[in-house]
N, C-alpha and C. Protein backbone atom coordinates (compact mmCIF):
# COMPACT_ATOMS: atom_id res chain seq x y z
N UNK A 1 -41.96 -25.55 23.51
CA UNK A 1 -41.16 -26.53 24.24
C UNK A 1 -40.21 -25.79 25.17
N UNK A 2 -40.14 -26.22 26.40
CA UNK A 2 -39.21 -25.59 27.32
C UNK A 2 -37.96 -26.45 27.47
N UNK A 3 -36.98 -25.90 28.11
CA UNK A 3 -35.69 -26.57 28.28
C UNK A 3 -35.79 -27.69 29.31
N UNK A 4 -35.18 -28.83 29.00
CA UNK A 4 -35.18 -29.99 29.89
C UNK A 4 -34.14 -29.81 31.00
N UNK A 5 -34.47 -30.32 32.19
CA UNK A 5 -33.53 -30.29 33.31
C UNK A 5 -32.26 -31.07 32.98
N UNK A 6 -32.38 -32.13 32.20
CA UNK A 6 -31.19 -32.92 31.83
C UNK A 6 -30.25 -32.10 30.92
N UNK A 7 -30.82 -31.22 30.09
CA UNK A 7 -29.99 -30.36 29.24
C UNK A 7 -29.23 -29.35 30.10
N UNK A 8 -29.87 -28.82 31.14
CA UNK A 8 -29.20 -27.88 32.05
C UNK A 8 -28.07 -28.59 32.80
N UNK A 9 -28.29 -29.83 33.20
CA UNK A 9 -27.24 -30.60 33.86
C UNK A 9 -26.05 -30.79 32.92
N UNK A 10 -26.33 -31.09 31.66
CA UNK A 10 -25.28 -31.24 30.65
C UNK A 10 -24.52 -29.92 30.49
N UNK A 11 -25.25 -28.81 30.38
CA UNK A 11 -24.61 -27.50 30.23
C UNK A 11 -23.76 -27.15 31.43
N UNK A 12 -24.25 -27.46 32.60
CA UNK A 12 -23.51 -27.18 33.82
C UNK A 12 -22.14 -27.84 33.77
N UNK A 13 -22.10 -29.07 33.29
CA UNK A 13 -20.84 -29.78 33.14
C UNK A 13 -19.97 -29.16 32.05
N UNK A 14 -20.57 -28.86 30.90
CA UNK A 14 -19.82 -28.31 29.77
C UNK A 14 -19.27 -26.91 30.07
N UNK A 15 -19.97 -26.13 30.88
CA UNK A 15 -19.57 -24.75 31.17
C UNK A 15 -18.72 -24.60 32.42
N UNK A 16 -18.47 -25.69 33.12
CA UNK A 16 -17.77 -25.63 34.41
C UNK A 16 -16.40 -24.96 34.33
N UNK A 17 -15.70 -25.11 33.22
CA UNK A 17 -14.35 -24.52 33.10
C UNK A 17 -14.37 -23.00 32.99
N UNK A 18 -15.52 -22.41 32.76
CA UNK A 18 -15.61 -20.95 32.62
C UNK A 18 -15.49 -20.24 33.96
N UNK A 19 -15.87 -20.90 35.04
CA UNK A 19 -15.81 -20.27 36.36
C UNK A 19 -17.12 -20.48 37.12
N UNK A 20 -17.50 -19.47 37.87
CA UNK A 20 -18.67 -19.56 38.76
C UNK A 20 -19.98 -19.42 37.96
N UNK A 21 -20.37 -20.50 37.29
CA UNK A 21 -21.59 -20.52 36.48
C UNK A 21 -22.78 -20.90 37.35
N UNK A 22 -23.87 -20.15 37.21
CA UNK A 22 -25.13 -20.50 37.86
C UNK A 22 -26.25 -20.34 36.84
N UNK A 23 -27.34 -21.04 37.10
CA UNK A 23 -28.51 -20.99 36.23
C UNK A 23 -29.69 -20.51 37.06
N UNK A 24 -30.55 -19.70 36.44
CA UNK A 24 -31.76 -19.24 37.11
C UNK A 24 -32.93 -19.48 36.17
N UNK A 25 -33.91 -20.22 36.67
CA UNK A 25 -35.08 -20.52 35.86
C UNK A 25 -35.96 -19.28 35.76
N UNK A 26 -36.34 -18.93 34.53
CA UNK A 26 -37.16 -17.75 34.29
C UNK A 26 -38.16 -18.08 33.19
N UNK A 27 -39.43 -18.05 33.50
CA UNK A 27 -40.50 -18.25 32.52
C UNK A 27 -40.36 -19.57 31.77
N UNK A 28 -39.94 -20.63 32.47
CA UNK A 28 -39.80 -21.93 31.85
C UNK A 28 -38.48 -22.14 31.13
N UNK A 29 -37.68 -21.10 31.03
CA UNK A 29 -36.36 -21.18 30.40
C UNK A 29 -35.32 -20.77 31.43
N UNK A 30 -34.09 -20.56 31.01
CA UNK A 30 -33.02 -20.29 31.97
C UNK A 30 -32.13 -19.13 31.53
N UNK A 31 -31.63 -18.39 32.54
CA UNK A 31 -30.58 -17.41 32.34
C UNK A 31 -29.30 -18.04 32.89
N UNK A 32 -28.19 -17.81 32.20
CA UNK A 32 -26.89 -18.34 32.63
C UNK A 32 -26.07 -17.16 33.16
N UNK A 33 -25.61 -17.29 34.39
CA UNK A 33 -24.83 -16.24 35.03
C UNK A 33 -23.38 -16.69 35.18
N UNK A 34 -22.47 -15.78 34.94
CA UNK A 34 -21.05 -15.99 35.21
C UNK A 34 -20.60 -14.81 36.06
N UNK A 35 -20.16 -15.11 37.27
CA UNK A 35 -19.74 -14.06 38.21
C UNK A 35 -20.81 -12.99 38.38
N UNK A 36 -22.05 -13.40 38.44
CA UNK A 36 -23.16 -12.48 38.70
C UNK A 36 -23.69 -11.74 37.48
N UNK A 37 -23.12 -11.97 36.31
CA UNK A 37 -23.58 -11.31 35.08
C UNK A 37 -24.29 -12.33 34.19
N UNK A 38 -25.41 -11.91 33.60
CA UNK A 38 -26.10 -12.79 32.65
C UNK A 38 -25.29 -12.81 31.36
N UNK A 39 -24.77 -13.98 31.00
CA UNK A 39 -23.95 -14.11 29.80
C UNK A 39 -24.67 -14.87 28.69
N UNK A 40 -25.73 -15.60 29.05
CA UNK A 40 -26.42 -16.41 28.04
C UNK A 40 -27.84 -16.73 28.49
N UNK A 41 -28.64 -17.12 27.54
CA UNK A 41 -29.99 -17.63 27.79
C UNK A 41 -30.07 -19.04 27.22
N UNK A 42 -30.84 -19.88 27.88
CA UNK A 42 -31.09 -21.24 27.38
C UNK A 42 -32.58 -21.33 27.12
N UNK A 43 -32.94 -21.49 25.86
CA UNK A 43 -34.33 -21.55 25.45
C UNK A 43 -34.53 -22.73 24.51
N UNK A 44 -35.52 -23.56 24.79
CA UNK A 44 -35.82 -24.72 23.94
C UNK A 44 -34.59 -25.59 23.67
N UNK A 45 -33.83 -25.83 24.72
CA UNK A 45 -32.61 -26.66 24.63
C UNK A 45 -31.59 -26.12 23.63
N UNK A 46 -31.53 -24.81 23.51
CA UNK A 46 -30.52 -24.13 22.70
C UNK A 46 -29.85 -23.07 23.57
N UNK A 47 -28.58 -22.79 23.29
CA UNK A 47 -27.81 -21.82 24.08
C UNK A 47 -27.55 -20.58 23.24
N UNK A 48 -27.94 -19.44 23.80
CA UNK A 48 -27.79 -18.14 23.13
C UNK A 48 -26.92 -17.24 24.01
N UNK A 49 -25.72 -16.91 23.53
CA UNK A 49 -24.78 -16.07 24.27
C UNK A 49 -25.02 -14.62 23.89
N UNK A 50 -24.97 -13.74 24.91
CA UNK A 50 -25.15 -12.31 24.65
C UNK A 50 -24.11 -11.84 23.63
N UNK A 51 -24.54 -11.02 22.70
CA UNK A 51 -23.60 -10.56 21.67
C UNK A 51 -22.64 -9.49 22.20
N UNK A 52 -21.36 -9.70 21.94
CA UNK A 52 -20.31 -8.73 22.26
C UNK A 52 -19.30 -8.76 21.13
N UNK A 53 -18.52 -7.71 21.01
CA UNK A 53 -17.47 -7.69 19.98
C UNK A 53 -16.44 -8.78 20.24
N UNK A 54 -16.12 -9.01 21.51
CA UNK A 54 -15.15 -10.06 21.84
C UNK A 54 -15.68 -11.42 21.40
N UNK A 55 -16.94 -11.68 21.64
CA UNK A 55 -17.54 -12.94 21.22
C UNK A 55 -17.58 -13.07 19.71
N UNK A 56 -17.87 -11.97 19.04
CA UNK A 56 -17.92 -11.97 17.58
C UNK A 56 -16.55 -12.34 17.01
N UNK A 57 -15.48 -11.80 17.59
CA UNK A 57 -14.12 -12.11 17.12
C UNK A 57 -13.79 -13.58 17.38
N UNK A 58 -14.16 -14.08 18.55
CA UNK A 58 -13.85 -15.47 18.89
C UNK A 58 -14.60 -16.47 18.00
N UNK A 59 -15.86 -16.18 17.70
CA UNK A 59 -16.65 -17.11 16.90
C UNK A 59 -16.31 -17.04 15.42
N UNK A 60 -15.90 -15.89 14.94
CA UNK A 60 -15.48 -15.74 13.55
C UNK A 60 -16.51 -16.25 12.57
N UNK A 61 -16.08 -17.13 11.67
CA UNK A 61 -16.96 -17.66 10.63
C UNK A 61 -18.01 -18.62 11.18
N UNK A 62 -17.81 -19.12 12.39
CA UNK A 62 -18.77 -20.05 13.00
C UNK A 62 -19.94 -19.32 13.64
N UNK A 63 -19.98 -18.02 13.52
CA UNK A 63 -21.01 -17.20 14.16
C UNK A 63 -22.38 -17.45 13.54
N UNK A 64 -23.33 -17.78 14.39
CA UNK A 64 -24.73 -17.92 13.99
C UNK A 64 -25.54 -17.05 14.93
N UNK A 65 -26.31 -16.13 14.37
CA UNK A 65 -27.13 -15.26 15.19
C UNK A 65 -28.60 -15.63 15.04
N UNK A 66 -29.31 -15.58 16.17
CA UNK A 66 -30.74 -15.88 16.17
C UNK A 66 -31.34 -15.33 17.45
N UNK A 67 -32.62 -15.00 17.43
CA UNK A 67 -33.26 -14.55 18.67
C UNK A 67 -33.60 -15.78 19.55
N UNK A 68 -33.39 -15.69 20.86
CA UNK A 68 -33.69 -16.82 21.73
C UNK A 68 -35.19 -17.11 21.86
N UNK A 69 -36.01 -16.10 21.63
CA UNK A 69 -37.47 -16.25 21.67
C UNK A 69 -38.07 -15.20 20.76
N UNK A 70 -39.30 -15.38 20.33
CA UNK A 70 -39.91 -14.41 19.40
C UNK A 70 -39.91 -12.99 19.97
N UNK A 71 -39.46 -12.05 19.15
CA UNK A 71 -39.43 -10.64 19.55
C UNK A 71 -38.15 -10.22 20.25
N UNK A 72 -37.25 -11.14 20.52
CA UNK A 72 -36.00 -10.82 21.20
C UNK A 72 -34.97 -10.31 20.20
N UNK A 73 -33.97 -9.59 20.73
CA UNK A 73 -32.86 -9.18 19.87
C UNK A 73 -32.00 -10.39 19.54
N UNK A 74 -31.11 -10.22 18.60
CA UNK A 74 -30.26 -11.32 18.16
C UNK A 74 -29.18 -11.63 19.20
N UNK A 75 -28.95 -12.91 19.42
CA UNK A 75 -27.90 -13.42 20.29
C UNK A 75 -27.05 -14.36 19.43
N UNK A 76 -25.91 -14.81 19.98
CA UNK A 76 -25.09 -15.80 19.30
C UNK A 76 -25.61 -17.18 19.68
N UNK A 77 -26.09 -17.95 18.71
CA UNK A 77 -26.54 -19.31 18.98
C UNK A 77 -25.32 -20.23 18.90
N UNK A 78 -24.92 -20.77 20.05
CA UNK A 78 -23.71 -21.58 20.12
C UNK A 78 -24.02 -23.06 20.39
N UNK A 79 -25.25 -23.45 20.17
CA UNK A 79 -25.68 -24.82 20.46
C UNK A 79 -24.83 -25.86 19.75
N UNK A 80 -24.43 -25.61 18.52
CA UNK A 80 -23.64 -26.58 17.76
C UNK A 80 -22.21 -26.73 18.29
N UNK A 81 -21.74 -25.78 19.11
CA UNK A 81 -20.37 -25.84 19.61
C UNK A 81 -20.24 -26.24 21.06
N UNK A 82 -21.29 -26.82 21.64
CA UNK A 82 -21.27 -27.13 23.07
C UNK A 82 -20.29 -28.24 23.45
N UNK A 83 -19.91 -29.08 22.51
CA UNK A 83 -18.99 -30.18 22.83
C UNK A 83 -17.56 -29.70 23.05
N UNK A 84 -17.22 -28.50 22.59
CA UNK A 84 -15.88 -27.95 22.78
C UNK A 84 -15.87 -27.13 24.07
N UNK A 85 -15.61 -27.81 25.17
CA UNK A 85 -15.66 -27.17 26.49
C UNK A 85 -14.70 -26.00 26.61
N UNK A 86 -13.50 -26.15 26.07
CA UNK A 86 -12.48 -25.11 26.18
C UNK A 86 -12.91 -23.84 25.43
N UNK A 87 -13.37 -23.99 24.21
CA UNK A 87 -13.82 -22.84 23.43
C UNK A 87 -15.04 -22.18 24.07
N UNK A 88 -15.93 -23.00 24.62
CA UNK A 88 -17.12 -22.47 25.29
C UNK A 88 -16.72 -21.65 26.52
N UNK A 89 -15.77 -22.16 27.30
CA UNK A 89 -15.30 -21.43 28.48
C UNK A 89 -14.66 -20.11 28.10
N UNK A 90 -13.85 -20.11 27.05
CA UNK A 90 -13.20 -18.87 26.59
C UNK A 90 -14.26 -17.86 26.15
N UNK A 91 -15.25 -18.32 25.39
CA UNK A 91 -16.31 -17.43 24.93
C UNK A 91 -17.10 -16.85 26.09
N UNK A 92 -17.46 -17.66 27.07
CA UNK A 92 -18.23 -17.17 28.21
C UNK A 92 -17.43 -16.18 29.04
N UNK A 93 -16.14 -16.46 29.26
CA UNK A 93 -15.30 -15.51 30.03
C UNK A 93 -15.13 -14.20 29.28
N UNK A 94 -14.92 -14.26 27.97
CA UNK A 94 -14.78 -13.03 27.17
C UNK A 94 -16.07 -12.22 27.20
N UNK A 95 -17.20 -12.91 27.12
CA UNK A 95 -18.49 -12.23 27.17
C UNK A 95 -18.68 -11.55 28.53
N UNK A 96 -18.37 -12.28 29.59
CA UNK A 96 -18.52 -11.72 30.94
C UNK A 96 -17.64 -10.49 31.13
N UNK A 97 -16.43 -10.53 30.62
CA UNK A 97 -15.52 -9.38 30.75
C UNK A 97 -16.01 -8.17 29.96
N UNK A 98 -16.69 -8.40 28.85
CA UNK A 98 -17.15 -7.31 27.99
C UNK A 98 -18.45 -6.67 28.49
N UNK A 99 -19.15 -7.34 29.37
CA UNK A 99 -20.44 -6.82 29.85
C UNK A 99 -20.24 -5.93 31.07
N UNK A 100 -21.08 -4.90 31.22
CA UNK A 100 -20.97 -4.04 32.40
C UNK A 100 -21.41 -4.79 33.66
N UNK A 101 -20.97 -4.30 34.79
CA UNK A 101 -21.37 -4.89 36.07
C UNK A 101 -22.88 -4.72 36.24
N UNK A 102 -23.53 -5.69 36.89
CA UNK A 102 -24.97 -5.55 37.09
C UNK A 102 -25.28 -4.37 38.00
N UNK A 103 -26.41 -3.74 37.74
CA UNK A 103 -26.82 -2.62 38.58
C UNK A 103 -27.19 -3.14 39.96
N UNK A 104 -26.83 -2.38 41.01
CA UNK A 104 -27.18 -2.84 42.36
C UNK A 104 -28.70 -2.89 42.52
N UNK A 105 -29.15 -3.91 43.22
CA UNK A 105 -30.58 -4.05 43.46
C UNK A 105 -31.02 -3.08 44.55
N UNK A 106 -32.19 -2.52 44.37
CA UNK A 106 -32.74 -1.65 45.39
C UNK A 106 -33.31 -2.50 46.51
N UNK A 107 -33.15 -2.03 47.72
CA UNK A 107 -33.68 -2.75 48.86
C UNK A 107 -35.20 -2.66 48.84
N UNK A 108 -35.84 -3.74 49.21
CA UNK A 108 -37.30 -3.73 49.27
C UNK A 108 -37.77 -2.93 50.48
N UNK A 109 -38.85 -2.22 50.28
CA UNK A 109 -39.41 -1.45 51.38
C UNK A 109 -40.05 -2.41 52.37
N UNK A 110 -39.86 -2.12 53.66
CA UNK A 110 -40.45 -2.95 54.68
C UNK A 110 -41.93 -2.60 54.81
N UNK A 111 -42.77 -3.61 54.97
CA UNK A 111 -44.21 -3.31 55.08
C UNK A 111 -44.51 -2.52 56.36
N UNK A 112 -45.46 -1.61 56.25
CA UNK A 112 -45.85 -0.80 57.41
C UNK A 112 -46.58 -1.69 58.42
N UNK A 113 -46.38 -1.39 59.68
CA UNK A 113 -47.03 -2.18 60.75
C UNK A 113 -48.21 -1.45 61.30
């Protein structure tokens, strides 16, 4: 089962307080970007935040880890906490701050004429 467009619309609203959130469709699922960094994956209508120490401290006892897809490393599954917009925004901002800047993309070679 892939993620529904209506679920992405809901997430877009719930995550709006975090800042410049964008979604990119990848293989039928979605990557969630905050300020150009991938902070979460959305798979099968569930939200998986990249694991960081800051996120681990914020989630505390509510921490649930699971892989977003078979064979993936463990992420923080925050699907049950999506109704708390403020906590979600704090978690996403803390995750974004803890992650390194994305590597610059290499320019594509121009085709020979």
